[in-house]
PDB file of N, CA and C in Angstrom:
ATOM      1  N   MET A   1      59.052  86.047 104.535  1.00  0.00           N
ATOM      2  CA  MET A   1      59.854  85.797 105.712  1.00  0.00           C
ATOM      3  C   MET A   1      61.306  86.183 105.487  1.00  0.00           C
ATOM      4  N   LEU A   2      61.824  85.887 104.306  1.00  0.00           N
ATOM      5  CA  LEU A   2      63.209  86.197 103.996  1.00  0.00           C
ATOM      6  C   LEU A   2      63.455  87.706 104.052  1.00  0.00           C
ATOM      7  N   ALA A   3      62.500  88.496 103.554  1.00  0.00           N
ATOM      8  CA  ALA A   3      62.646  89.947 103.573  1.00  0.00           C
ATOM      9  C   ALA A   3      62.711  90.461 105.002  1.00  0.00           C
ATOM     10  N   LYS A   4      61.926  89.882 105.889  1.00  0.00           N
ATOM     11  CA  LYS A   4      61.945  90.313 107.279  1.00  0.00           C
ATOM     12  C   LYS A   4      63.283  90.000 107.929  1.00  0.00           C
ATOM     13  N   VAL A   5      63.825  88.851 107.670  1.00  0.00           N
ATOM     14  CA  VAL A   5      65.121  88.473 108.240  1.00  0.00           C
ATOM     15  C   VAL A   5      66.201  89.429 107.745  1.00  0.00           C
ATOM     16  N   SER A   6      66.191  89.740 106.450  1.00  0.00           N
ATOM     17  CA  SER A   6      67.177  90.660 105.890  1.00  0.00           C
ATOM     18  C   SER A   6      67.042  92.041 106.504  1.00  0.00           C
ATOM     19  N   LEU A   7      65.811  92.519 106.635  1.00  0.00           N
ATOM     20  CA  LEU A   7      65.586  93.824 107.222  1.00  0.00           C
ATOM     21  C   LEU A   7      66.044  93.845 108.665  1.00  0.00           C
ATOM     22  N   ILE A   8      65.758  92.822 109.416  1.00  0.00           N
ATOM     23  CA  ILE A   8      66.201  92.747 110.811  1.00  0.00           C
ATOM     24  C   ILE A   8      67.727  92.726 110.857  1.00  0.00           C
ATOM     25  N   GLY A   9      68.342  91.963 109.975  1.00  0.00           N
ATOM     26  CA  GLY A   9      69.802  91.924 109.923  1.00  0.00           C
ATOM     27  C   GLY A   9      70.394  93.293 109.636  1.00  0.00           C
ATOM     28  N   LEU A  10      69.770  94.027 108.732  1.00  0.00           N
ATOM     29  CA  LEU A  10      70.262  95.361 108.418  1.00  0.00           C
ATOM     30  C   LEU A  10      70.091  96.305 109.598  1.00  0.00           C
ATOM     31  N   LEU A  11      68.982  96.200 110.275  1.00  0.00           N
ATOM     32  CA  LEU A  11      68.746  97.053 111.432  1.00  0.00           C
ATOM     33  C   LEU A  11      69.724  96.753 112.560  1.00  0.00           C
ATOM     34  N   ILE A  12      70.066  95.502 112.708  1.00  0.00           N
ATOM     35  CA  ILE A  12      71.015  95.130 113.758  1.00  0.00           C
ATOM     36  C   ILE A  12      72.413  95.614 113.404  1.00  0.00           C
ATOM     37  N   LEU A  13      72.802  95.527 112.137  1.00  0.00           N
ATOM     38  CA  LEU A  13      74.136  95.928 111.724  1.00  0.00           C
ATOM     39  C   LEU A  13      74.301  97.439 111.607  1.00  0.00           C
ATOM     40  N   ALA A  14      73.238  98.151 111.316  1.00  0.00           N
ATOM     41  CA  ALA A  14      73.349  99.586 111.073  1.00  0.00           C
ATOM     42  C   ALA A  14      74.004 100.355 112.218  1.00  0.00           C
ATOM     43  N   PRO A  15      73.600 100.167 113.470  1.00  0.00           N
ATOM     44  CA  PRO A  15      74.243 100.929 114.532  1.00  0.00           C
ATOM     45  C   PRO A  15      75.733 100.609 114.681  1.00  0.00           C
ATOM     46  N   MET A  16      76.130  99.391 114.386  1.00  0.00           N
ATOM     47  CA  MET A  16      77.529  99.016 114.556  1.00  0.00           C
ATOM     48  C   MET A  16      78.402  99.605 113.453  1.00  0.00           C
ATOM     49  N   THR A  17      77.844  99.872 112.296  1.00  0.00           N
ATOM     50  CA  THR A  17      78.645 100.376 111.196  1.00  0.00           C
ATOM     51  C   THR A  17      78.403 101.856 110.913  1.00  0.00           C
ATOM     52  N   ALA A  18      77.533 102.492 111.657  1.00  0.00           N
ATOM     53  CA  ALA A  18      77.207 103.884 111.373  1.00  0.00           C
ATOM     54  C   ALA A  18      78.425 104.794 111.461  1.00  0.00           C
ATOM     55  N   ASN A  19      79.325 104.577 112.416  1.00  0.00           N
ATOM     56  CA  ASN A  19      80.502 105.416 112.574  1.00  0.00           C
ATOM     57  C   ASN A  19      81.760 104.744 112.056  1.00  0.00           C
ATOM     58  N   ALA A  20      81.609 103.739 111.221  1.00  0.00           N
ATOM     59  CA  ALA A  20      82.757 102.994 110.729  1.00  0.00           C
ATOM     60  C   ALA A  20      83.627 103.838 109.813  1.00  0.00           C
ATOM     61  N   ALA A  21      83.058 104.781 109.113  1.00  0.00           N
ATOM     62  CA  ALA A  21      83.832 105.611 108.200  1.00  0.00           C
ATOM     63  C   ALA A  21      83.631 107.085 108.530  1.00  0.00           C
ATOM     64  N   CYS A  22      84.687 107.802 108.370  1.00  0.00           N
ATOM     65  CA  CYS A  22      84.641 109.240 108.574  1.00  0.00           C
ATOM     66  C   CYS A  22      84.257 109.881 107.244  1.00  0.00           C
ATOM     67  N   THR A  23      83.280 110.750 107.247  1.00  0.00           N
ATOM     68  CA  THR A  23      82.855 111.369 105.999  1.00  0.00           C
ATOM     69  C   THR A  23      83.785 112.512 105.615  1.00  0.00           C
ATOM     70  N   LEU A  24      83.784 112.816 104.350  1.00  0.00           N
ATOM     71  CA  LEU A  24      84.586 113.931 103.860  1.00  0.00           C
ATOM     72  C   LEU A  24      84.130 115.233 104.519  1.00  0.00           C
ATOM     73  N   GLU A  25      82.836 115.360 104.739  1.00  0.00           N
ATOM     74  CA  GLU A  25      82.301 116.563 105.383  1.00  0.00           C
ATOM     75  C   GLU A  25      82.812 116.691 106.819  1.00  0.00           C
ATOM     76  N   GLN A  26      82.924 115.560 107.534  1.00  0.00           N
ATOM     77  CA  GLN A  26      83.469 115.597 108.889  1.00  0.00           C
ATOM     78  C   GLN A  26      84.898 116.119 108.877  1.00  0.00           C
ATOM     79  N   VAL A  27      85.698 115.636 107.938  1.00  0.00           N
ATOM     80  CA  VAL A  27      87.091 116.061 107.848  1.00  0.00           C
ATOM     81  C   VAL A  27      87.159 117.549 107.501  1.00  0.00           C
ATOM     82  N   GLN A  28      86.349 117.993 106.552  1.00  0.00           N
ATOM     83  CA  GLN A  28      86.329 119.408 106.192  1.00  0.00           C
ATOM     84  C   GLN A  28      85.952 120.267 107.396  1.00  0.00           C
ATOM     85  N   ASN A  29      84.933 119.859 108.138  1.00  0.00           N
ATOM     86  CA  ASN A  29      84.516 120.609 109.335  1.00  0.00           C
ATOM     87  C   ASN A  29      85.620 120.648 110.372  1.00  0.00           C
ATOM     88  N   THR A  30      86.288 119.529 110.578  1.00  0.00           N
ATOM     89  CA  THR A  30      87.357 119.466 111.570  1.00  0.00           C
ATOM     90  C   THR A  30      88.525 120.355 111.169  1.00  0.00           C
ATOM     91  N   VAL A  31      88.903 120.315 109.903  1.00  0.00           N
ATOM     92  CA  VAL A  31      89.997 121.165 109.423  1.00  0.00           C
ATOM     93  C   VAL A  31      89.624 122.637 109.602  1.00  0.00           C
ATOM     94  N   ALA A  32      88.430 123.012 109.170  1.00  0.00           N
ATOM     95  CA  ALA A  32      87.986 124.401 109.279  1.00  0.00           C
ATOM     96  C   ALA A  32      87.998 124.870 110.733  1.00  0.00           C
ATOM     97  N   LYS A  33      87.474 124.045 111.616  1.00  0.00           N
ATOM     98  CA  LYS A  33      87.413 124.395 113.034  1.00  0.00           C
ATOM     99  C   LYS A  33      88.816 124.515 113.636  1.00  0.00           C
ATOM    100  N   THR A  34      89.703 123.602 113.267  1.00  0.00           N
ATOM    101  CA  THR A  34      91.034 123.562 113.860  1.00  0.00           C
ATOM    102  C   THR A  34      91.885 124.762 113.457  1.00  0.00           C
ATOM    103  N   ILE A  35      91.766 125.192 112.199  1.00  0.00           N
ATOM    104  CA  ILE A  35      92.598 126.314 111.758  1.00  0.00           C
ATOM    105  C   ILE A  35      91.800 127.617 111.607  1.00  0.00           C
ATOM    106  N   ASN A  36      90.607 127.628 112.165  1.00  0.00           N
ATOM    107  CA  ASN A  36      89.762 128.830 112.179  1.00  0.00           C
ATOM    108  C   ASN A  36      89.541 129.428 110.789  1.00  0.00           C
ATOM    109  N   LYS A  37      89.139 128.563 109.866  1.00  0.00           N
ATOM    110  CA  LYS A  37      88.810 129.001 108.514  1.00  0.00           C
ATOM    111  C   LYS A  37      87.319 128.786 108.284  1.00  0.00           C
ATOM    112  N   PRO A  38      86.696 129.647 107.484  1.00  0.00           N
ATOM    113  CA  PRO A  38      85.299 129.387 107.119  1.00  0.00           C
ATOM    114  C   PRO A  38      85.203 128.067 106.351  1.00  0.00           C
ATOM    115  N   LEU A  39      84.181 127.311 106.621  1.00  0.00           N
ATOM    116  CA  LEU A  39      83.989 126.019 105.968  1.00  0.00           C
ATOM    117  C   LEU A  39      83.996 126.154 104.449  1.00  0.00           C
ATOM    118  N   GLU A  40      83.483 127.255 103.939  1.00  0.00           N
ATOM    119  CA  GLU A  40      83.425 127.469 102.491  1.00  0.00           C
ATOM    120  C   GLU A  40      84.821 127.491 101.853  1.00  0.00           C
ATOM    121  N   GLU A  41      85.843 127.839 102.627  1.00  0.00           N
ATOM    122  CA  GLU A  41      87.213 127.897 102.103  1.00  0.00           C
ATOM    123  C   GLU A  41      87.892 126.531 102.093  1.00  0.00           C
ATOM    124  N   VAL A  42      87.364 125.586 102.841  1.00  0.00           N
ATOM    125  CA  VAL A  42      87.998 124.273 102.972  1.00  0.00           C
ATOM    126  C   VAL A  42      87.387 123.332 101.938  1.00  0.00           C
ATOM    127  N   LYS A  43      88.013 123.305 100.772  1.00  0.00           N
ATOM    128  CA  LYS A  43      87.569 122.446  99.668  1.00  0.00           C
ATOM    129  C   LYS A  43      88.284 121.103  99.763  1.00  0.00           C
ATOM    130  N   THR A  44      87.725 120.092  99.134  1.00  0.00           N
ATOM    131  CA  THR A  44      88.360 118.773  99.169  1.00  0.00           C
ATOM    132  C   THR A  44      89.725 118.799  98.490  1.00  0.00           C
ATOM    133  N   SER A  45      89.875 119.676  97.513  1.00  0.00           N
ATOM    134  CA  SER A  45      91.141 119.763  96.788  1.00  0.00           C
ATOM    135  C   SER A  45      92.123 120.743  97.415  1.00  0.00           C
ATOM    136  N   SER A  46      91.706 121.426  98.484  1.00  0.00           N
ATOM    137  CA  SER A  46      92.589 122.391  99.143  1.00  0.00           C
ATOM    138  C   SER A  46      93.748 121.677  99.821  1.00  0.00           C
ATOM    139  N   SER A  47      94.953 122.207  99.608  1.00  0.00           N
ATOM    140  CA  SER A  47      96.075 121.678 100.375  1.00  0.00           C
ATOM    141  C   SER A  47      96.086 122.401 101.715  1.00  0.00           C
ATOM    142  N   LEU A  48      96.630 121.749 102.713  1.00  0.00           N
ATOM    143  CA  LEU A  48      96.684 122.386 104.027  1.00  0.00           C
ATOM    144  C   LEU A  48      97.557 123.634 103.977  1.00  0.00           C
ATOM    145  N   GLY A  49      98.590 123.603 103.139  1.00  0.00           N
ATOM    146  CA  GLY A  49      99.439 124.781 102.961  1.00  0.00           C
ATOM    147  C   GLY A  49      98.664 125.946 102.378  1.00  0.00           C
ATOM    148  N   GLU A  50      97.819 125.673 101.383  1.00  0.00           N
ATOM    149  CA  GLU A  50      96.984 126.722 100.783  1.00  0.00           C
ATOM    150  C   GLU A  50      96.038 127.332 101.811  1.00  0.00           C
ATOM    151  N   LEU A  51      95.657 126.521 102.784  1.00  0.00           N
ATOM    152  CA  LEU A  51      94.753 127.010 103.830  1.00  0.00           C
ATOM    153  C   LEU A  51      95.505 127.749 104.936  1.00  0.00           C
ATOM    154  N   GLY A  52      96.826 127.816 104.810  1.00  0.00           N
ATOM    155  CA  GLY A  52      97.628 128.551 105.782  1.00  0.00           C
ATOM    156  C   GLY A  52      98.100 127.719 106.951  1.00  0.00           C
ATOM    157  N   ALA A  53      97.993 126.399 106.855  1.00  0.00           N
ATOM    158  CA  ALA A  53      98.405 125.521 107.958  1.00  0.00           C
ATOM    159  C   ALA A  53      99.921 125.325 107.937  1.00  0.00           C
ATOM    160  N   ASP A  54     100.553 125.536 109.092  1.00  0.00           N
ATOM    161  CA  ASP A  54     101.981 125.259 109.213  1.00  0.00           C
ATOM    162  C   ASP A  54     102.163 123.859 109.812  1.00  0.00           C
ATOM    163  N   ASP A  55     103.391 123.494 110.134  1.00  0.00           N
ATOM    164  CA  ASP A  55     103.657 122.143 110.642  1.00  0.00           C
ATOM    165  C   ASP A  55     102.911 121.853 111.942  1.00  0.00           C
ATOM    166  N   LEU A  56     102.862 122.816 112.833  1.00  0.00           N
ATOM    167  CA  LEU A  56     102.132 122.618 114.091  1.00  0.00           C
ATOM    168  C   LEU A  56     100.637 122.464 113.834  1.00  0.00           C
ATOM    169  N   ASP A  57     100.108 123.264 112.909  1.00  0.00           N
ATOM    170  CA  ASP A  57      98.693 123.142 112.540  1.00  0.00           C
ATOM    171  C   ASP A  57      98.397 121.748 111.995  1.00  0.00           C
ATOM    172  N   ARG A  58      99.306 121.213 111.164  1.00  0.00           N
ATOM    173  CA  ARG A  58      99.113 119.869 110.600  1.00  0.00           C
ATOM    174  C   ARG A  58      98.989 118.837 111.713  1.00  0.00           C
ATOM    175  N   ILE A  59      99.843 118.940 112.715  1.00  0.00           N
ATOM    176  CA  ILE A  59      99.783 118.003 113.848  1.00  0.00           C
ATOM    177  C   ILE A  59      98.447 118.135 114.569  1.00  0.00           C
ATOM    178  N   GLU A  60      98.022 119.375 114.807  1.00  0.00           N
ATOM    179  CA  GLU A  60      96.741 119.607 115.490  1.00  0.00           C
ATOM    180  C   GLU A  60      95.570 119.096 114.650  1.00  0.00           C
ATOM    181  N   ILE A  61      95.652 119.278 113.335  1.00  0.00           N
ATOM    182  CA  ILE A  61      94.590 118.805 112.442  1.00  0.00           C
ATOM    183  C   ILE A  61      94.501 117.284 112.497  1.00  0.00           C
ATOM    184  N   VAL A  62      95.643 116.616 112.401  1.00  0.00           N
ATOM    185  CA  VAL A  62      95.651 115.148 112.449  1.00  0.00           C
ATOM    186  C   VAL A  62      95.056 114.666 113.762  1.00  0.00           C
ATOM    187  N   MET A  63      95.483 115.261 114.875  1.00  0.00           N
ATOM    188  CA  MET A  63      94.953 114.845 116.182  1.00  0.00           C
ATOM    189  C   MET A  63      93.451 115.081 116.265  1.00  0.00           C
ATOM    190  N   ALA A  64      92.978 116.202 115.740  1.00  0.00           N
ATOM    191  CA  ALA A  64      91.543 116.513 115.781  1.00  0.00           C
ATOM    192  C   ALA A  64      90.741 115.551 114.902  1.00  0.00           C
ATOM    193  N   VAL A  65      91.263 115.245 113.720  1.00  0.00           N
ATOM    194  CA  VAL A  65      90.571 114.307 112.825  1.00  0.00           C
ATOM    195  C   VAL A  65      90.535 112.923 113.461  1.00  0.00           C
ATOM    196  N   GLU A  66      91.648 112.495 114.050  1.00  0.00           N
ATOM    197  CA  GLU A  66      91.668 111.192 114.718  1.00  0.00           C
ATOM    198  C   GLU A  66      90.619 111.134 115.825  1.00  0.00           C
ATOM    199  N   LYS A  67      90.509 112.208 116.588  1.00  0.00           N
ATOM    200  CA  LYS A  67      89.525 112.245 117.677  1.00  0.00           C
ATOM    201  C   LYS A  67      88.096 112.292 117.135  1.00  0.00           C
ATOM    202  N   ASP A  68      87.834 113.211 116.216  1.00  0.00           N
ATOM    203  CA  ASP A  68      86.474 113.388 115.697  1.00  0.00           C
ATOM    204  C   ASP A  68      85.989 112.184 114.896  1.00  0.00           C
ATOM    205  N   CYS A  69      86.912 111.492 114.247  1.00  0.00           N
ATOM    206  CA  CYS A  69      86.542 110.362 113.387  1.00  0.00           C
ATOM    207  C   CYS A  69      86.813 109.019 114.050  1.00  0.00           C
ATOM    208  N   ASP A  70      87.259 109.045 115.290  1.00  0.00           N
ATOM    209  CA  ASP A  70      87.608 107.814 115.997  1.00  0.00           C
ATOM    210  C   ASP A  70      88.509 106.956 115.101  1.00  0.00           C
ATOM    211  N   ALA A  71      89.587 107.583 114.634  1.00  0.00           N
ATOM    212  CA  ALA A  71      90.499 106.933 113.696  1.00  0.00           C
ATOM    213  C   ALA A  71      91.922 107.052 114.207  1.00  0.00           C
ATOM    214  N   SER A  72      92.777 106.258 113.635  1.00  0.00           N
ATOM    215  CA  SER A  72      94.204 106.334 113.913  1.00  0.00           C
ATOM    216  C   SER A  72      94.913 106.429 112.569  1.00  0.00           C
ATOM    217  N   ILE A  73      95.569 107.559 112.349  1.00  0.00           N
ATOM    218  CA  ILE A  73      96.268 107.769 111.093  1.00  0.00           C
ATOM    219  C   ILE A  73      97.735 107.409 111.313  1.00  0.00           C
ATOM    220  N   PRO A  74      98.224 106.370 110.624  1.00  0.00           N
ATOM    221  CA  PRO A  74      99.618 105.962 110.793  1.00  0.00           C
ATOM    222  C   PRO A  74     100.590 107.092 110.452  1.00  0.00           C
ATOM    223  N   ASP A  75     101.732 107.109 111.144  1.00  0.00           N
ATOM    224  CA  ASP A  75     102.719 108.160 110.937  1.00  0.00           C
ATOM    225  C   ASP A  75     103.143 108.299 109.481  1.00  0.00           C
ATOM    226  N   ASP A  76     103.335 107.175 108.784  1.00  0.00           N
ATOM    227  CA  ASP A  76     103.778 107.252 107.390  1.00  0.00           C
ATOM    228  C   ASP A  76     102.740 107.934 106.502  1.00  0.00           C
ATOM    229  N   LEU A  77     101.460 107.787 106.818  1.00  0.00           N
ATOM    230  CA  LEU A  77     100.413 108.466 106.043  1.00  0.00           C
ATOM    231  C   LEU A  77     100.306 109.936 106.423  1.00  0.00           C
ATOM    232  N   GLN A  78     100.624 110.265 107.677  1.00  0.00           N
ATOM    233  CA  GLN A  78     100.558 111.657 108.120  1.00  0.00           C
ATOM    234  C   GLN A  78     101.528 112.520 107.326  1.00  0.00           C
ATOM    235  N   GLU A  79     102.624 111.934 106.929  1.00  0.00           N
ATOM    236  CA  GLU A  79     103.633 112.681 106.186  1.00  0.00           C
ATOM    237  C   GLU A  79     103.312 112.788 104.703  1.00  0.00           C
ATOM    238  N   LYS A  80     102.413 111.949 104.206  1.00  0.00           N
ATOM    239  CA  LYS A  80     102.145 111.881 102.773  1.00  0.00           C
ATOM    240  C   LYS A  80     100.947 112.703 102.318  1.00  0.00           C
ATOM    241  N   PHE A  81      99.959 112.909 103.170  1.00  0.00           N
ATOM    242  CA  PHE A  81      98.766 113.590 102.679  1.00  0.00           C
ATOM    243  C   PHE A  81      99.044 115.069 102.421  1.00  0.00           C
ATOM    244  N   VAL A  82      98.396 115.577 101.395  1.00  0.00           N
ATOM    245  CA  VAL A  82      98.570 116.968 100.996  1.00  0.00           C
ATOM    246  C   VAL A  82      97.250 117.714 101.080  1.00  0.00           C
ATOM    247  N   THR A  83      96.192 117.110 100.528  1.00  0.00           N
ATOM    248  CA  THR A  83      94.895 117.778 100.452  1.00  0.00           C
ATOM    249  C   THR A  83      93.947 117.281 101.550  1.00  0.00           C
ATOM    250  N   VAL A  84      92.844 117.978 101.679  1.00  0.00           N
ATOM    251  CA  VAL A  84      91.800 117.571 102.614  1.00  0.00           C
ATOM    252  C   VAL A  84      91.287 116.186 102.229  1.00  0.00           C
ATOM    253  N   LYS A  85      91.159 115.922 100.932  1.00  0.00           N
ATOM    254  CA  LYS A  85      90.710 114.605 100.475  1.00  0.00           C
ATOM    255  C   LYS A  85      91.722 113.526 100.867  1.00  0.00           C
ATOM    256  N   ASP A  86      93.011 113.817 100.739  1.00  0.00           N
ATOM    257  CA  ASP A  86      94.045 112.860 101.159  1.00  0.00           C
ATOM    258  C   ASP A  86      93.912 112.540 102.648  1.00  0.00           C
ATOM    259  N   LEU A  87      93.667 113.571 103.439  1.00  0.00           N
ATOM    260  CA  LEU A  87      93.501 113.377 104.883  1.00  0.00           C
ATOM    261  C   LEU A  87      92.286 112.507 105.168  1.00  0.00           C
ATOM    262  N   HIS A  88      91.208 112.740 104.445  1.00  0.00           N
ATOM    263  CA  HIS A  88      89.996 111.936 104.588  1.00  0.00           C
ATOM    264  C   HIS A  88      90.298 110.466 104.296  1.00  0.00           C
ATOM    265  N   GLU A  89      91.020 110.226 103.201  1.00  0.00           N
ATOM    266  CA  GLU A  89      91.367 108.847 102.834  1.00  0.00           C
ATOM    267  C   GLU A  89      92.265 108.210 103.888  1.00  0.00           C
ATOM    268  N   ALA A  90      93.203 108.974 104.440  1.00  0.00           N
ATOM    269  CA  ALA A  90      94.091 108.448 105.483  1.00  0.00           C
ATOM    270  C   ALA A  90      93.298 108.098 106.746  1.00  0.00           C
ATOM    271  N   ALA A  91      92.307 108.914 107.075  1.00  0.00           N
ATOM    272  CA  ALA A  91      91.497 108.654 108.274  1.00  0.00           C
ATOM    273  C   ALA A  91      90.651 107.404 108.119  1.00  0.00           C
ATOM    274  N   ASN A  92      90.342 107.046 106.886  1.00  0.00           N
ATOM    275  CA  ASN A  92      89.513 105.864 106.631  1.00  0.00           C
ATOM    276  C   ASN A  92      90.322 104.632 106.255  1.00  0.00           C
ATOM    277  N   LYS A  93      91.622 104.768 106.185  1.00  0.00           N
ATOM    278  CA  LYS A  93      92.478 103.631 105.839  1.00  0.00           C
ATOM    279  C   LYS A  93      92.532 102.692 107.035  1.00  0.00           C
ATOM    280  N   LYS A  94      92.312 101.425 106.758  1.00  0.00           N
ATOM    281  CA  LYS A  94      92.336 100.406 107.817  1.00  0.00           C
ATOM    282  C   LYS A  94      93.758  99.992 108.097  1.00  0.00           C
ATOM    283  N   SER A  95      94.111  99.903 109.357  1.00  0.00           N
ATOM    284  CA  SER A  95      95.434  99.423 109.747  1.00  0.00           C
ATOM    285  C   SER A  95      95.471  97.902 109.641  1.00  0.00           C
ATOM    286  N   ASN A  96      96.632  97.377 109.236  1.00  0.00           N
ATOM    287  CA  ASN A  96      96.790  95.912 109.138  1.00  0.00           C
ATOM    288  C   ASN A  96      97.207  95.336 110.468  1.00  0.00           C
TER     289      ASN A  96
END
């Protein structure tokens, strides 16, 4: 009986938490799409500058990631991220 209750609890919680975090792959896809780069070029360690993104591109990337990941990236974090991985972490950072 206990196993059934746990399984039911997991099934009930799964839909509510499925989109709770933005995956690194989602961020990579969004960056690639936004700056028209092949996905293969957008590595987790790639800096946006290395990918050819200028200041306007950075703003567009942040807005696209926020939309695609249903996230809000605080202004102070927008200025600090350098790599695609940094952007991913910023998109998943919980606001206080």
